[in-house]
Protein backbone atom coordinates (compact mmCIF):
# COMPACT_ATOMS: atom_id res chain seq x y z
CA UNK A 1 -47.29 -13.82 -52.84
CA UNK A 2 -49.69 -14.61 -50.01
CA UNK A 3 -52.24 -17.28 -50.87
CA UNK A 4 -55.95 -16.58 -51.34
CA UNK A 5 -56.62 -18.37 -48.04
CA UNK A 6 -54.08 -16.22 -46.17
CA UNK A 7 -55.62 -13.06 -47.59
CA UNK A 8 -59.17 -14.25 -46.90
CA UNK A 9 -58.25 -15.03 -43.27
CA UNK A 10 -57.39 -11.34 -42.83
CA UNK A 11 -60.86 -10.18 -43.94
CA UNK A 12 -62.03 -10.22 -40.31
CA UNK A 13 -58.97 -8.23 -39.17
CA UNK A 14 -59.09 -5.28 -41.58
CA UNK A 15 -58.09 -1.97 -40.02
CA UNK A 16 -61.24 0.16 -40.20
CA UNK A 17 -59.88 3.10 -38.27
CA UNK A 18 -58.25 4.20 -35.02
CA UNK A 19 -59.21 6.44 -32.12
CA UNK A 20 -56.22 6.95 -29.85
CA UNK A 21 -57.19 9.60 -27.30
CA UNK A 22 -53.63 10.44 -26.18
CA UNK A 23 -51.84 10.47 -29.55
CA UNK A 24 -52.71 14.06 -30.45
CA UNK A 25 -55.32 15.92 -32.46
CA UNK A 26 -57.05 13.47 -34.82
CA UNK A 27 -58.03 14.09 -38.44
CA UNK A 28 -59.56 11.36 -40.59
CA UNK A 29 -58.61 11.31 -44.25
CA UNK A 30 -60.08 9.00 -46.85
CA UNK A 31 -57.53 6.28 -46.15
CA UNK A 32 -55.28 7.53 -43.34
CA UNK A 33 -55.98 8.54 -39.76
CA UNK A 34 -53.76 11.50 -38.91
CA UNK A 35 -52.66 12.60 -35.44
CA UNK A 36 -50.70 15.81 -34.85
CA UNK A 37 -48.66 16.48 -31.73
CA UNK A 38 -45.43 18.33 -30.88
CA UNK A 39 -44.58 19.18 -34.48
CA UNK A 40 -45.10 15.62 -35.67
CA UNK A 41 -47.80 13.99 -37.77
CA UNK A 42 -48.53 10.31 -37.22
CA UNK A 43 -50.18 8.75 -40.25
CA UNK A 44 -51.90 5.40 -39.73
CA UNK A 45 -52.76 3.79 -43.05
CA UNK A 46 -56.02 1.85 -42.74
CA UNK A 47 -57.48 -0.80 -45.02
CA UNK A 48 -60.17 1.58 -46.26
CA UNK A 49 -60.46 1.73 -50.05
CA UNK A 50 -61.50 5.05 -51.55
CA UNK A 51 -62.87 5.40 -55.08
CA UNK A 52 -65.21 7.89 -56.73
CA UNK A 53 -64.26 10.20 -53.80
CA UNK A 54 -65.95 7.86 -51.30
CA UNK A 55 -65.03 5.04 -48.97
CA UNK A 56 -66.09 1.87 -50.79
CA UNK A 57 -64.96 -1.07 -48.67
CA UNK A 58 -62.11 -2.60 -46.64
CA UNK A 59 -59.33 -4.58 -48.35
CA UNK A 60 -57.12 -6.95 -46.29
CA UNK A 61 -53.43 -5.96 -46.01
CA UNK A 62 -54.07 -2.84 -48.11
CA UNK A 63 -52.74 -0.44 -45.47
CA UNK A 64 -49.56 -2.46 -45.03
CA UNK A 65 -48.95 -2.57 -48.78
CA UNK A 66 -49.41 1.20 -49.13
CA UNK A 67 -47.09 1.89 -46.22
CA UNK A 68 -44.42 -0.48 -47.51
CA UNK A 69 -44.53 1.01 -51.02
CA UNK A 70 -44.44 4.54 -49.66
CA UNK A 71 -41.35 3.65 -47.60
CA UNK A 72 -39.69 2.23 -50.72
CA UNK A 73 -40.46 5.21 -52.95
CA UNK A 74 -39.59 7.89 -50.39
CA UNK A 75 -36.14 6.32 -50.14
CA UNK A 76 -35.72 6.02 -53.94
CA UNK A 77 -36.81 9.62 -54.66
CA UNK A 78 -35.12 11.55 -51.85
CA UNK A 79 -32.43 12.85 -54.22
CA UNK A 80 -35.14 14.53 -56.34
CA UNK A 81 -37.10 16.06 -53.48
CA UNK A 82 -37.10 15.79 -49.71
CA UNK A 83 -40.00 14.20 -47.82
CA UNK A 84 -41.61 14.41 -44.43
CA UNK A 85 -40.70 10.97 -43.00
CA UNK A 86 -39.07 10.74 -39.56
CA UNK A 87 -39.52 7.02 -38.94
CA UNK A 88 -41.73 4.03 -39.82
CA UNK A 89 -42.29 2.21 -36.50
CA UNK A 90 -45.06 -0.15 -37.66
CA UNK A 91 -46.25 -1.80 -40.91
CA UNK A 92 -49.24 0.59 -40.95
CA UNK A 93 -47.60 3.75 -39.58
CA UNK A 94 -45.45 6.66 -40.71
CA UNK A 95 -44.24 9.27 -38.23
CA UNK A 96 -43.53 12.47 -40.12
CA UNK A 97 -42.67 16.11 -39.62
CA UNK A 98 -45.80 18.23 -39.51
CA UNK A 99 -45.94 20.25 -42.74
CA UNK A 100 -48.35 22.82 -44.13
CA UNK A 101 -50.04 21.01 -47.06
CA UNK A 102 -50.20 22.88 -50.35
CA UNK A 103 -53.76 23.15 -51.65
CA UNK A 104 -53.11 21.32 -54.91
CA UNK A 105 -52.61 17.72 -56.01
CA UNK A 106 -50.06 17.35 -58.79
CA UNK A 107 -51.54 14.82 -61.20
CA UNK A 108 -49.27 13.52 -63.98
CA UNK A 109 -50.69 11.47 -66.86
CA UNK A 110 -48.81 9.45 -69.45
CA UNK A 111 -51.82 7.87 -71.20
CA UNK A 112 -55.37 8.79 -72.25
CA UNK A 113 -57.44 6.56 -70.01
CA UNK A 114 -59.81 6.36 -67.06
CA UNK A 115 -63.34 5.29 -66.16
CA UNK A 116 -64.69 8.07 -63.93
CA UNK A 117 -66.57 11.20 -64.97
CA UNK A 118 -63.46 13.29 -64.23
CA UNK A 119 -61.02 11.11 -66.20
CA UNK A 120 -59.13 12.42 -69.21
CA UNK A 121 -60.62 9.70 -71.45
CA UNK A 122 -64.20 10.58 -70.45
CA UNK A 123 -63.56 14.23 -71.34
CA UNK A 124 -61.83 13.30 -74.58
CA UNK A 125 -64.47 10.89 -75.87
CA UNK A 126 -67.12 13.53 -75.11
CA UNK A 127 -65.35 15.92 -77.49
CA UNK A 128 -63.04 17.95 -75.25
CA UNK A 129 -59.59 18.64 -76.70
CA UNK A 130 -58.39 20.83 -73.84
CA UNK A 131 -57.78 19.11 -70.52
CA UNK A 132 -56.46 21.31 -67.72
CA UNK A 133 -54.76 23.59 -70.24
CA UNK A 134 -53.25 20.72 -72.27
CA UNK A 135 -54.17 20.71 -75.96
CA UNK A 136 -54.93 17.19 -77.18
CA UNK A 137 -54.88 16.09 -80.83
CA UNK A 138 -57.78 14.40 -82.62
CA UNK A 139 -57.74 10.66 -83.24
CA UNK A 140 -56.53 9.40 -79.87
CA UNK A 141 -57.81 6.02 -78.70
CA UNK A 142 -58.54 4.85 -75.17
CA UNK A 143 -55.34 3.84 -73.32
CA UNK A 144 -53.10 5.45 -75.95
CA UNK A 145 -49.76 6.78 -74.79
CA UNK A 146 -49.39 10.56 -74.91
CA UNK A 147 -46.40 12.06 -76.78
CA UNK A 148 -45.17 13.42 -73.44
CA UNK A 149 -46.53 13.18 -69.88
CA UNK A 150 -48.86 16.05 -69.02
CA UNK A 151 -49.68 17.87 -65.78
CA UNK A 152 -53.36 18.02 -64.86
CA UNK A 153 -53.46 19.45 -61.33
CA UNK A 154 -56.51 19.28 -59.12
CA UNK A 155 -57.71 21.21 -56.13
CA UNK A 156 -57.42 19.49 -52.75
CA UNK A 157 -61.03 18.95 -51.70
CA UNK A 158 -62.19 18.88 -48.11
CA UNK A 159 -63.13 15.48 -46.70
CA UNK A 160 -66.34 14.33 -48.40
CA UNK A 161 -66.10 16.81 -51.28
CA UNK A 162 -64.91 16.19 -54.83
CA UNK A 163 -61.49 17.19 -56.15
CA UNK A 164 -61.62 19.51 -59.19
CA UNK A 165 -59.24 19.21 -62.14
CA UNK A 166 -58.13 22.67 -63.25
CA UNK A 167 -55.47 24.33 -65.38
CA UNK A 168 -52.36 25.90 -63.81
CA UNK A 169 -53.71 29.33 -64.80
CA UNK A 170 -56.80 28.74 -62.67
CA UNK A 171 -54.67 27.69 -59.70
CA UNK A 172 -52.64 30.88 -60.02
CA UNK A 173 -55.76 33.05 -60.41
CA UNK A 174 -57.26 31.53 -57.25
CA UNK A 175 -54.03 32.03 -55.34
CA UNK A 176 -53.74 28.31 -54.57
CA UNK A 177 -50.01 28.49 -55.39
CA UNK A 178 -47.54 31.16 -56.44
CA UNK A 179 -45.88 31.12 -59.85
CA UNK A 180 -42.54 30.26 -58.23
CA UNK A 181 -44.06 27.36 -56.31
CA UNK A 182 -45.90 26.10 -59.39
CA UNK A 183 -42.70 26.04 -61.43
CA UNK A 184 -40.96 24.02 -58.71
CA UNK A 185 -43.90 21.63 -58.28
CA UNK A 186 -44.17 21.08 -62.03
CA UNK A 187 -40.46 20.35 -62.41
CA UNK A 188 -40.30 18.00 -59.43
CA UNK A 189 -43.51 16.16 -60.38
CA UNK A 190 -42.34 15.44 -63.92
CA UNK A 191 -38.96 14.24 -62.64
CA UNK A 192 -40.63 11.96 -60.08
CA UNK A 193 -42.90 10.56 -62.78
CA UNK A 194 -39.97 9.93 -65.12
CA UNK A 195 -38.10 8.03 -62.41
CA UNK A 196 -41.28 6.14 -61.51
CA UNK A 197 -41.87 5.08 -65.12
CA UNK A 198 -38.25 4.02 -65.58
CA UNK A 199 -38.22 2.03 -62.32
CA UNK A 200 -41.53 0.30 -63.08
CA UNK A 201 -40.49 -0.46 -66.69
CA UNK A 202 -37.50 -2.46 -65.45
CA UNK A 203 -40.00 -4.79 -63.78
CA UNK A 204 -42.31 -5.03 -66.82
CA UNK A 205 -44.81 -2.56 -65.39
CA UNK A 206 -46.22 0.65 -66.89
CA UNK A 207 -46.76 3.61 -64.55
CA UNK A 208 -49.73 5.15 -66.35
CA UNK A 209 -50.59 8.13 -64.18
CA UNK A 210 -50.24 9.28 -60.61
CA UNK A 211 -50.70 12.13 -58.15
CA UNK A 212 -48.27 13.79 -55.77
CA UNK A 213 -48.99 15.84 -52.66
CA UNK A 214 -46.59 18.39 -51.23
CA UNK A 215 -46.25 20.44 -48.09
CA UNK A 216 -44.00 23.11 -46.63
CA UNK A 217 -41.82 22.01 -43.71
CA UNK A 218 -40.58 24.03 -40.74
CA UNK A 219 -37.65 25.33 -42.83
CA UNK A 220 -40.02 26.64 -45.50
CA UNK A 221 -38.96 23.94 -47.98
CA UNK A 222 -41.44 22.19 -50.26
CA UNK A 223 -41.33 18.46 -49.54
CA UNK A 224 -43.22 15.36 -50.64
CA UNK A 225 -45.92 14.20 -48.21
CA UNK A 226 -48.64 11.55 -47.92
CA UNK A 227 -47.67 8.73 -50.32
CA UNK A 228 -46.06 8.14 -53.72
CA UNK A 229 -46.49 5.63 -56.56
CA UNK A 230 -48.90 3.36 -54.68
CA UNK A 231 -51.94 1.53 -56.13
CA UNK A 232 -54.10 4.19 -54.45
CA UNK A 233 -52.37 7.20 -55.98
CA UNK A 234 -51.29 5.62 -59.28
CA UNK A 235 -52.44 3.46 -62.15
CA UNK A 236 -50.24 0.52 -63.17
CA UNK A 237 -50.55 -1.83 -66.17
CA UNK A 238 -48.72 -4.99 -67.17
CA UNK A 239 -46.38 -4.05 -70.02
CA UNK A 240 -46.37 -7.43 -71.80
CA UNK A 241 -50.11 -7.34 -72.53
CA UNK A 242 -50.47 -3.61 -73.17
CA UNK A 243 -50.33 -3.70 -77.00
CA UNK A 244 -52.72 -6.65 -77.25
CA UNK A 245 -55.37 -4.98 -75.10
CA UNK A 246 -54.84 -1.63 -76.80
CA UNK A 247 -55.39 -3.10 -80.27
CA UNK A 248 -58.43 -5.08 -79.11
CA UNK A 249 -59.88 -2.14 -77.21
CA UNK A 250 -60.18 -4.35 -74.11
CA UNK A 251 -59.39 -3.49 -70.50
CA UNK A 252 -55.72 -3.39 -69.58
CA UNK A 253 -54.28 -5.77 -66.99
CA UNK A 254 -54.41 -3.48 -63.96
CA UNK A 255 -52.44 -3.87 -60.75
CA UNK A 256 -54.18 -1.17 -58.76
CA UNK A 257 -57.63 -0.31 -57.48
CA UNK A 258 -58.82 0.23 -61.06
CA UNK A 259 -59.72 -3.50 -60.93
CA UNK A 260 -62.41 -2.73 -58.33
CA UNK A 261 -63.46 0.50 -60.10
CA UNK A 262 -64.14 -1.50 -63.27
CA UNK A 263 -66.05 -4.15 -61.30
CA UNK A 264 -68.21 -1.44 -59.72
CA UNK A 265 -68.77 0.27 -63.10
CA UNK A 266 -69.91 -3.05 -64.57
CA UNK A 267 -72.50 -3.18 -61.78
CA UNK A 268 -73.77 0.26 -62.82
CA UNK A 269 -72.15 2.15 -59.94
CA UNK A 270 -70.83 5.59 -60.85
CA UNK A 271 -70.22 6.98 -57.38
CA UNK A 272 -73.52 8.67 -56.55
CA UNK A 273 -75.73 5.71 -55.63
CA UNK A 274 -75.55 3.02 -52.95
CA UNK A 275 -72.38 0.93 -53.17
CA UNK A 276 -73.16 -2.61 -54.41
CA UNK A 277 -72.37 -5.46 -52.04
CA UNK A 278 -68.83 -6.57 -52.81
CA UNK A 279 -68.21 -10.34 -52.50
CA UNK A 280 -65.26 -11.57 -50.43
CA UNK A 281 -63.59 -13.06 -53.51
CA UNK A 282 -63.53 -9.60 -55.16
CA UNK A 283 -61.98 -8.12 -52.02
CA UNK A 284 -59.34 -10.88 -52.02
CA UNK A 285 -58.61 -10.32 -55.71
CA UNK A 286 -58.28 -6.57 -55.09
CA UNK A 287 -55.83 -7.27 -52.25
CA UNK A 288 -53.81 -9.44 -54.63
CA UNK A 289 -53.59 -6.52 -57.08
CA UNK A 290 -52.10 -4.34 -54.33
CA UNK A 291 -49.63 -7.05 -53.31
CA UNK A 292 -48.75 -7.69 -56.95
CA UNK A 293 -47.95 -3.99 -57.35
CA UNK A 294 -45.59 -4.05 -54.37
CA UNK A 295 -43.80 -7.23 -55.40
CA UNK A 296 -43.65 -6.30 -59.07
CA UNK A 297 -42.22 -2.83 -58.49
CA UNK A 298 -39.82 -3.53 -55.64
CA UNK A 299 -38.78 -7.06 -56.59
CA UNK A 300 -39.28 -7.97 -52.91
CA UNK A 301 -41.77 -10.45 -51.44
CA UNK A 302 -44.64 -9.00 -49.43
CA UNK A 303 -44.69 -10.82 -46.12
CA UNK A 304 -47.64 -9.15 -44.46
CA UNK A 305 -48.30 -9.15 -40.72
CA UNK A 306 -51.55 -11.06 -40.09
CA UNK A 307 -53.98 -10.77 -37.20
CA UNK A 308 -55.60 -7.87 -35.37
CA UNK A 309 -53.43 -4.81 -36.11
CA UNK A 310 -54.69 -2.59 -33.27
CA UNK A 311 -52.70 -4.04 -30.32
CA UNK A 312 -49.52 -4.04 -32.41
CA UNK A 313 -49.99 -0.44 -33.58
CA UNK A 314 -50.72 0.76 -30.05
CA UNK A 315 -47.61 -0.98 -28.71
CA UNK A 316 -45.38 0.45 -31.45
CA UNK A 317 -46.64 3.99 -30.82
CA UNK A 318 -46.30 3.96 -27.04
CA UNK A 319 -43.44 6.47 -26.95
CA UNK A 320 -45.67 8.99 -28.76
CA UNK A 321 -48.49 8.49 -26.23
CA UNK A 322 -46.46 9.61 -23.20
């Protein structure tokens, strides 16, 4: 793993965002800058960290870690479902086929946990026993494993708005998806999650929950888009310490952005007020969680490309700027 000093040195070179005038029509997501041109979508993964449906801060090497993990998982899962990737010409970039995104995020949960107001644990401890159409038994504890993974889909909110967790029946009533598409999405999502849990378990890691995004390609096929099983879209715990923390009722050993969420919550931040100033050492520790996730899951070292990423990205995308 990169040292604290190597990560700290990158703090002044975090990728905030891009504005390439000749790369196509630009759309800014929470974490990725998207450019569309000639049937292609170029996704540039920045170092922005999103939590509580807002941009919180910049984390060094975060974009590179997300891109590297996405590359790994798209390759591992292509036999379950196709994806939109054409090539990955840069540590921060994916060039993909332009797809029509489906207006639903497929969230799969294997445990009763979470810290936000929309989390399954928050709903459960407040007395709810029905979460997105899933009936939950009494007596569950925080971080307890569910008998079987459950689907808790959410609407795909516009930039700046909040996603809404809903039941499949609500999605169908609103016309967000057809019954045929829902059946396919549900089947594929549960299969992806099963493979993700099995793969992570071999490395001593628990895949707790995740979200998948899908789109329809030019052939009309539903394919996986955006990212998969990254510390942004998923929650990971260390397996060896799970039982100890569960019995004690203490926080699990996270290797995802939940580390920063918990730090913010401890400072009294719930998403609606001004973001507390985040010290550099917390940013470095958050970066280490992302790197730990990559190395733990893939079994490969994360090298990282230091320095200002902008000249490198521009050079690697020249053929798309003609």
